[in-house]
Protein backbone atom coordinates (compact mmCIF):
# COMPACT_ATOMS: atom_id res chain seq x y z
CA UNK A 1 99.47 -157.44 -54.25
CA UNK A 2 95.88 -157.12 -55.03
CA UNK A 3 93.13 -159.56 -54.25
CA UNK A 4 93.39 -161.31 -57.63
CA UNK A 5 97.05 -162.20 -57.13
CA UNK A 6 97.04 -163.03 -53.46
CA UNK A 7 97.79 -166.49 -52.42
CA UNK A 8 94.80 -168.64 -51.53
CA UNK A 9 93.72 -167.99 -47.87
CA UNK A 10 95.71 -164.74 -47.64
CA UNK A 11 93.73 -161.68 -47.00
CA UNK A 12 94.91 -158.32 -48.44
CA UNK A 13 93.28 -154.99 -48.13
CA UNK A 14 94.16 -151.48 -48.77
CA UNK A 15 93.77 -148.88 -46.24
CA UNK A 16 92.17 -145.53 -47.05
CA UNK A 17 93.69 -142.18 -46.19
CA UNK A 18 90.74 -141.74 -43.67
CA UNK A 19 91.46 -145.02 -42.22
CA UNK A 20 95.19 -144.34 -41.82
CA UNK A 21 94.50 -140.88 -40.09
CA UNK A 22 91.93 -142.61 -37.89
CA UNK A 23 94.42 -145.28 -36.75
CA UNK A 24 97.15 -142.64 -36.05
CA UNK A 25 94.54 -140.65 -33.98
CA UNK A 26 93.58 -143.77 -32.14
CA UNK A 27 97.25 -144.47 -31.36
CA UNK A 28 97.78 -140.96 -30.16
CA UNK A 29 94.70 -141.18 -28.01
CA UNK A 30 95.54 -144.55 -26.58
CA UNK A 31 99.13 -143.30 -25.73
CA UNK A 32 97.69 -140.15 -24.28
CA UNK A 33 95.34 -142.21 -21.95
CA UNK A 34 98.25 -144.52 -20.98
CA UNK A 35 100.32 -141.47 -19.92
CA UNK A 36 97.31 -140.08 -18.01
CA UNK A 37 96.79 -143.29 -16.18
CA UNK A 38 100.50 -144.02 -15.46
CA UNK A 39 101.79 -140.63 -14.74
CA UNK A 40 98.85 -138.34 -14.52
CA UNK A 41 100.32 -136.38 -17.60
CA UNK A 42 98.06 -135.27 -20.34
CA UNK A 43 100.23 -134.97 -23.48
CA UNK A 44 97.63 -133.19 -25.57
CA UNK A 45 96.92 -130.60 -22.85
CA UNK A 46 100.76 -130.12 -22.50
CA UNK A 47 101.31 -129.68 -26.20
CA UNK A 48 98.17 -127.47 -27.01
CA UNK A 49 97.08 -126.14 -23.44
CA UNK A 50 94.49 -127.48 -21.14
CA UNK A 51 90.96 -126.72 -22.44
CA UNK A 52 92.07 -124.80 -25.53
CA UNK A 53 90.20 -125.05 -28.79
CA UNK A 54 93.02 -126.96 -30.38
CA UNK A 55 93.21 -129.49 -27.54
CA UNK A 56 89.39 -130.00 -27.78
CA UNK A 57 89.74 -130.47 -31.48
CA UNK A 58 92.22 -133.14 -30.90
CA UNK A 59 90.01 -134.97 -28.43
CA UNK A 60 86.96 -134.63 -30.73
CA UNK A 61 89.03 -136.11 -33.73
CA UNK A 62 90.19 -139.02 -31.59
CA UNK A 63 86.64 -139.64 -30.61
CA UNK A 64 85.53 -139.56 -34.15
CA UNK A 65 88.29 -141.84 -35.10
CA UNK A 66 87.01 -144.44 -32.46
CA UNK A 67 83.48 -144.18 -33.84
CA UNK A 68 84.88 -144.74 -37.37
CA UNK A 69 86.90 -147.70 -36.13
CA UNK A 70 83.60 -149.24 -34.58
CA UNK A 71 82.06 -149.26 -38.11
CA UNK A 72 85.28 -150.24 -39.94
CA UNK A 73 86.17 -153.23 -37.72
CA UNK A 74 83.29 -155.55 -38.94
CA UNK A 75 84.23 -154.72 -42.56
CA UNK A 76 87.84 -155.69 -41.99
CA UNK A 77 87.06 -158.93 -40.22
CA UNK A 78 84.82 -160.26 -42.99
CA UNK A 79 86.28 -162.88 -45.23
CA UNK A 80 87.00 -161.76 -48.80
């Protein structure tokens, strides 16, 4: 359903590939922080090794996803 066929008062929007990836990374990051807080278990470090280039890349991508979400949120909350 696109904006032209949506019922009055119903907001619709499409999510870009970048937005979808950012959301997935934010969920991964949030779950990882939850595990760290609850069980002192860092899933990213367990999967990729503590302090490795790959683990750091995951942390950087999660951080960039959060920055993207900061700028995306006002756009999503605007009325069509």
